[in-house]
Amino acid sequence: MMKMNTKKQLILAAVMAMAISLASIAYADPTGGVVTVGASESGSGSASGTVDTTGGNVTLVNVTGTQITSNWAGFYGFITGGLQLADASSNVFYQWTVSNLTNSVVYAANGTISNWAGLQAGSQALAPAAVATSNTDGYNNTFSSTKAFQSAGLGPIASTPFTTTYQGGSSGSLETYSLADSTGDVNVWAGMAIQNTTSFKTGQQVDYQILAPAASSATTTYNFYLELP
């Protein structure tokens, strides 16, 4: 068998190195997301109504009202990002533009994730105590559907609980998935992105919306991560 000359060996080695490099870029773990925080606001419950009566009367009073949950919070916004090859000092060797951010995933975790491959489906048993209840806004009543979670580099994670947040006044197609790290100690709420889609606010657009637990009695800190398609 003929041996390859040195030049051909070098070319082959370079091609293989590039292939390995591109594969690692395409399936890299989610990276820390740099956040720009805007206004935070809260709705209010229904105002009280009044009924006039006098002694001796019996009055039919039908009562309708809405109450603001004290156990959940929402995150929403746009995504900006790209893929790049760089050294340890952040000197960019090459950069790829992501033309369509649909199927990106924004992750909000109440801790740090060191083993992304170890993510598992969330559950009421793993959820924070504030929502691990049978209340109207409890975990199982909120994340009541399941399907496999799949991103560019993670999954499929079978039977993952998810819910869809509202868009334009009704339940839409922006999904939040409930995940947990391999130990079950860190909850991860994954928002699947749809570029420039209708938001919960009339006349405004977003790329993602995430529903995540947050008790009103204490501050909850979330770490944000971004995975590009």
Protein backbone atom coordinates (compact mmCIF):
# COMPACT_ATOMS: atom_id res chain seq x y z
CA MET A 1 0.00 0.00 0.00
CA MET A 2 1.32 3.44 -0.93
CA LYS A 3 2.06 5.79 1.89
CA MET A 4 0.66 9.34 1.78
CA ASN A 5 3.26 12.02 1.44
CA THR A 6 3.76 14.53 4.22
CA LYS A 7 1.80 17.27 2.44
CA LYS A 8 -1.26 15.05 2.01
CA GLN A 9 -1.03 13.96 5.65
CA LEU A 10 -0.98 17.57 6.80
CA ILE A 11 -3.98 18.43 4.62
CA LEU A 12 -5.94 15.43 5.94
CA ALA A 13 -5.07 16.33 9.53
CA ALA A 14 -6.22 19.91 8.97
CA VAL A 15 -9.53 18.78 7.44
CA MET A 16 -10.17 16.40 10.35
CA ALA A 17 -9.35 19.11 12.90
CA MET A 18 -11.76 21.51 11.20
CA ALA A 19 -14.51 18.90 11.16
CA ILE A 20 -14.06 18.25 14.86
CA SER A 21 -14.04 21.99 15.57
CA LEU A 22 -17.25 22.59 13.60
CA ALA A 23 -18.96 19.66 15.30
CA SER A 24 -18.08 21.06 18.71
CA ILE A 25 -19.49 24.45 17.72
CA ALA A 26 -22.74 23.01 16.40
CA TYR A 27 -23.43 20.98 19.52
CA ALA A 28 -21.87 23.13 22.21
CA ASP A 29 -23.50 23.41 25.63
CA PRO A 30 -25.69 26.46 26.26
CA THR A 31 -23.60 29.48 27.18
CA GLY A 32 -24.16 32.14 29.80
CA GLY A 33 -26.60 34.75 28.53
CA VAL A 34 -25.66 38.41 28.97
CA VAL A 35 -28.87 40.13 30.07
CA THR A 36 -30.18 43.64 29.59
CA VAL A 37 -32.96 44.11 32.13
CA GLY A 38 -35.94 46.33 31.34
CA ALA A 39 -38.91 47.42 33.42
CA SER A 40 -40.55 44.96 35.80
CA GLU A 41 -44.25 45.39 36.43
CA SER A 42 -47.16 43.66 38.12
CA GLY A 43 -50.87 43.63 37.52
CA SER A 44 -53.50 44.22 40.15
CA GLY A 45 -56.51 42.23 41.22
CA SER A 46 -60.09 43.20 40.62
CA ALA A 47 -61.42 46.32 42.34
CA SER A 48 -64.16 45.79 44.93
CA GLY A 49 -67.77 46.34 43.92
CA THR A 50 -70.48 47.86 46.08
CA VAL A 51 -74.07 46.80 46.71
CA ASP A 52 -76.73 49.01 48.27
CA THR A 53 -79.37 47.30 50.37
CA THR A 54 -81.84 48.00 53.14
CA GLY A 55 -83.14 45.85 55.95
CA GLY A 56 -85.61 43.23 54.83
CA ASN A 57 -84.17 42.78 51.31
CA VAL A 58 -82.59 39.65 49.88
CA THR A 59 -80.29 40.50 46.94
CA LEU A 60 -78.77 38.31 44.27
CA VAL A 61 -75.06 39.20 43.98
CA ASN A 62 -72.91 37.30 41.46
CA VAL A 63 -69.23 38.02 42.04
CA THR A 64 -66.48 37.81 39.39
CA GLY A 65 -62.87 38.62 40.08
CA THR A 66 -59.26 38.00 39.13
CA GLN A 67 -56.36 37.60 41.56
CA ILE A 68 -52.64 38.04 40.84
CA THR A 69 -50.57 34.94 41.57
CA SER A 70 -47.89 35.28 44.21
CA ASN A 71 -46.00 32.16 43.13
CA TRP A 72 -44.98 32.69 39.50
CA ALA A 73 -43.09 35.29 37.48
CA GLY A 74 -42.60 35.87 33.77
CA PHE A 75 -39.61 36.71 31.60
CA TYR A 76 -39.81 37.80 27.98
CA GLY A 77 -37.70 39.55 25.36
CA PHE A 78 -35.55 39.30 22.26
CA ILE A 79 -32.47 37.18 21.54
CA THR A 80 -29.22 38.33 19.98
CA GLY A 81 -26.31 36.01 19.39
CA GLY A 82 -23.89 34.32 17.07
CA LEU A 83 -21.46 31.42 16.84
CA GLN A 84 -17.75 32.12 16.91
CA LEU A 85 -14.32 30.54 17.11
CA ALA A 86 -12.08 32.38 19.58
CA ASP A 87 -9.11 31.92 21.86
CA ALA A 88 -9.02 32.07 25.67
CA SER A 89 -8.60 35.86 25.52
CA SER A 90 -11.79 36.26 23.43
CA ASN A 91 -9.89 37.11 20.27
CA VAL A 92 -12.28 36.09 17.49
CA PHE A 93 -10.83 33.85 14.79
CA TYR A 94 -14.12 33.47 12.88
CA GLN A 95 -17.80 34.24 13.48
CA TRP A 96 -21.04 32.84 12.04
CA THR A 97 -24.25 34.89 11.87
CA VAL A 98 -27.48 33.21 13.00
CA SER A 99 -30.05 34.42 10.46
CA ASN A 100 -33.07 32.78 12.11
CA LEU A 101 -33.22 32.51 15.89
CA THR A 102 -36.32 30.31 15.93
CA ASN A 103 -35.63 27.12 17.94
CA SER A 104 -33.05 28.90 20.09
CA VAL A 105 -33.63 28.19 23.77
CA VAL A 106 -33.40 30.62 26.68
CA TYR A 107 -32.82 28.86 30.01
CA ALA A 108 -33.61 30.41 33.40
CA ALA A 109 -32.09 28.35 36.24
CA ASN A 110 -32.19 28.97 39.99
CA GLY A 111 -28.57 27.87 40.22
CA THR A 112 -25.60 27.07 38.01
CA ILE A 113 -25.55 24.17 35.54
CA SER A 114 -22.30 22.23 35.25
CA ASN A 115 -23.58 19.14 33.46
CA TRP A 116 -26.00 20.03 30.69
CA ALA A 117 -26.07 16.45 29.39
CA GLY A 118 -27.48 15.38 32.75
CA LEU A 119 -30.66 17.47 32.55
CA GLN A 120 -33.84 15.55 33.35
CA ALA A 121 -37.55 16.23 33.09
CA GLY A 122 -38.93 18.33 35.93
CA SER A 123 -41.79 17.32 38.22
CA GLN A 124 -43.87 18.58 41.10
CA ALA A 125 -41.62 16.65 43.48
CA LEU A 126 -38.58 18.60 42.23
CA ALA A 127 -40.31 21.98 41.97
CA PRO A 128 -39.89 24.78 44.55
CA ALA A 129 -42.15 24.46 47.57
CA ALA A 130 -44.23 27.52 46.64
CA VAL A 131 -45.64 25.75 43.57
CA ALA A 132 -45.37 22.10 44.68
CA THR A 133 -49.00 22.23 45.82
CA SER A 134 -52.44 21.28 44.57
CA ASN A 135 -53.53 24.93 44.49
CA THR A 136 -55.05 26.47 41.38
CA ASP A 137 -51.64 27.85 40.41
CA GLY A 138 -49.75 24.77 41.61
CA TYR A 139 -47.16 23.00 39.47
CA ASN A 140 -49.32 20.19 38.09
CA ASN A 141 -52.15 22.56 37.23
CA THR A 142 -49.69 24.80 35.36
CA PHE A 143 -47.31 22.38 33.63
CA SER A 144 -50.10 19.95 32.80
CA SER A 145 -48.87 18.68 29.40
CA THR A 146 -45.81 16.61 28.51
CA LYS A 147 -43.74 15.90 25.42
CA ALA A 148 -40.10 15.32 24.55
CA PHE A 149 -37.83 18.34 24.96
CA GLN A 150 -35.36 18.67 22.10
CA SER A 151 -32.91 21.47 21.35
CA ALA A 152 -29.95 21.77 18.98
CA GLY A 153 -27.59 20.02 21.38
CA LEU A 154 -29.73 18.57 24.17
CA GLY A 155 -32.27 15.80 24.33
CA PRO A 156 -34.56 14.34 23.49
CA ILE A 157 -35.70 14.33 27.13
CA ALA A 158 -38.88 12.27 27.16
CA SER A 159 -42.11 13.27 28.91
CA THR A 160 -40.98 16.76 29.86
CA PRO A 161 -43.73 18.91 31.45
CA PHE A 162 -44.41 22.12 29.54
CA THR A 163 -46.90 24.93 29.24
CA THR A 164 -47.65 27.64 26.70
CA THR A 165 -47.80 31.29 27.75
CA TYR A 166 -50.32 33.77 26.39
CA GLN A 167 -49.96 35.67 23.15
CA GLY A 168 -52.41 38.37 22.14
CA GLY A 169 -54.81 37.53 24.96
CA SER A 170 -54.98 33.73 24.65
CA SER A 171 -52.76 30.67 25.00
CA GLY A 172 -50.24 30.70 22.17
CA SER A 173 -47.29 28.68 20.89
CA LEU A 174 -44.43 30.01 23.04
CA GLU A 175 -43.52 27.05 25.22
CA THR A 176 -41.80 26.82 28.60
CA TYR A 177 -40.36 23.43 29.55
CA SER A 178 -39.73 22.30 33.12
CA LEU A 179 -36.31 20.68 33.57
CA ALA A 180 -33.95 19.93 36.46
CA ASP A 181 -30.26 19.19 36.78
CA SER A 182 -29.01 15.65 37.36
CA THR A 183 -29.21 16.05 41.14
CA GLY A 184 -32.70 17.55 41.10
CA ASP A 185 -31.46 20.50 43.16
CA VAL A 186 -31.59 23.13 40.39
CA ASN A 187 -34.76 23.87 38.44
CA VAL A 188 -34.36 24.93 34.83
CA TRP A 189 -37.14 26.66 32.90
CA ALA A 190 -36.53 26.50 29.16
CA GLY A 191 -38.22 28.93 26.79
CA MET A 192 -38.29 27.74 23.17
CA ALA A 193 -37.87 30.76 20.89
CA ILE A 194 -39.89 31.85 17.87
CA GLN A 195 -38.28 34.86 16.24
CA ASN A 196 -40.38 38.05 16.15
CA THR A 197 -43.67 36.50 17.21
CA THR A 198 -46.69 38.00 18.98
CA SER A 199 -46.14 38.68 22.68
CA PHE A 200 -48.56 38.76 25.59
CA LYS A 201 -48.62 42.55 25.14
CA THR A 202 -50.98 43.89 22.50
CA GLY A 203 -49.11 45.13 19.43
CA GLN A 204 -45.66 44.02 20.63
CA GLN A 205 -43.37 41.20 19.53
CA VAL A 206 -40.88 38.95 21.33
CA ASP A 207 -38.62 36.00 20.64
CA TYR A 208 -39.37 34.09 23.85
CA GLN A 209 -41.50 34.03 27.02
CA ILE A 210 -40.73 31.99 30.16
CA LEU A 211 -43.01 31.18 33.08
CA ALA A 212 -40.97 30.45 36.23
CA PRO A 213 -41.68 30.10 39.98
CA ALA A 214 -40.94 33.07 42.22
CA ALA A 215 -42.43 33.50 45.68
CA SER A 216 -43.61 37.01 46.56
CA SER A 217 -42.16 36.68 50.07
CA ALA A 218 -38.52 36.55 48.90
CA THR A 219 -36.30 37.44 45.96
CA THR A 220 -35.54 34.62 43.53
CA THR A 221 -32.35 34.89 41.48
CA TYR A 222 -32.21 33.25 38.06
CA ASN A 223 -29.14 32.55 35.95
CA PHE A 224 -29.81 32.97 32.22
CA TYR A 225 -28.28 30.78 29.53
CA LEU A 226 -28.69 30.83 25.76
CA GLU A 227 -28.52 27.97 23.26
CA LEU A 228 -28.56 28.88 19.57
CA PRO A 229 -30.07 26.61 16.90
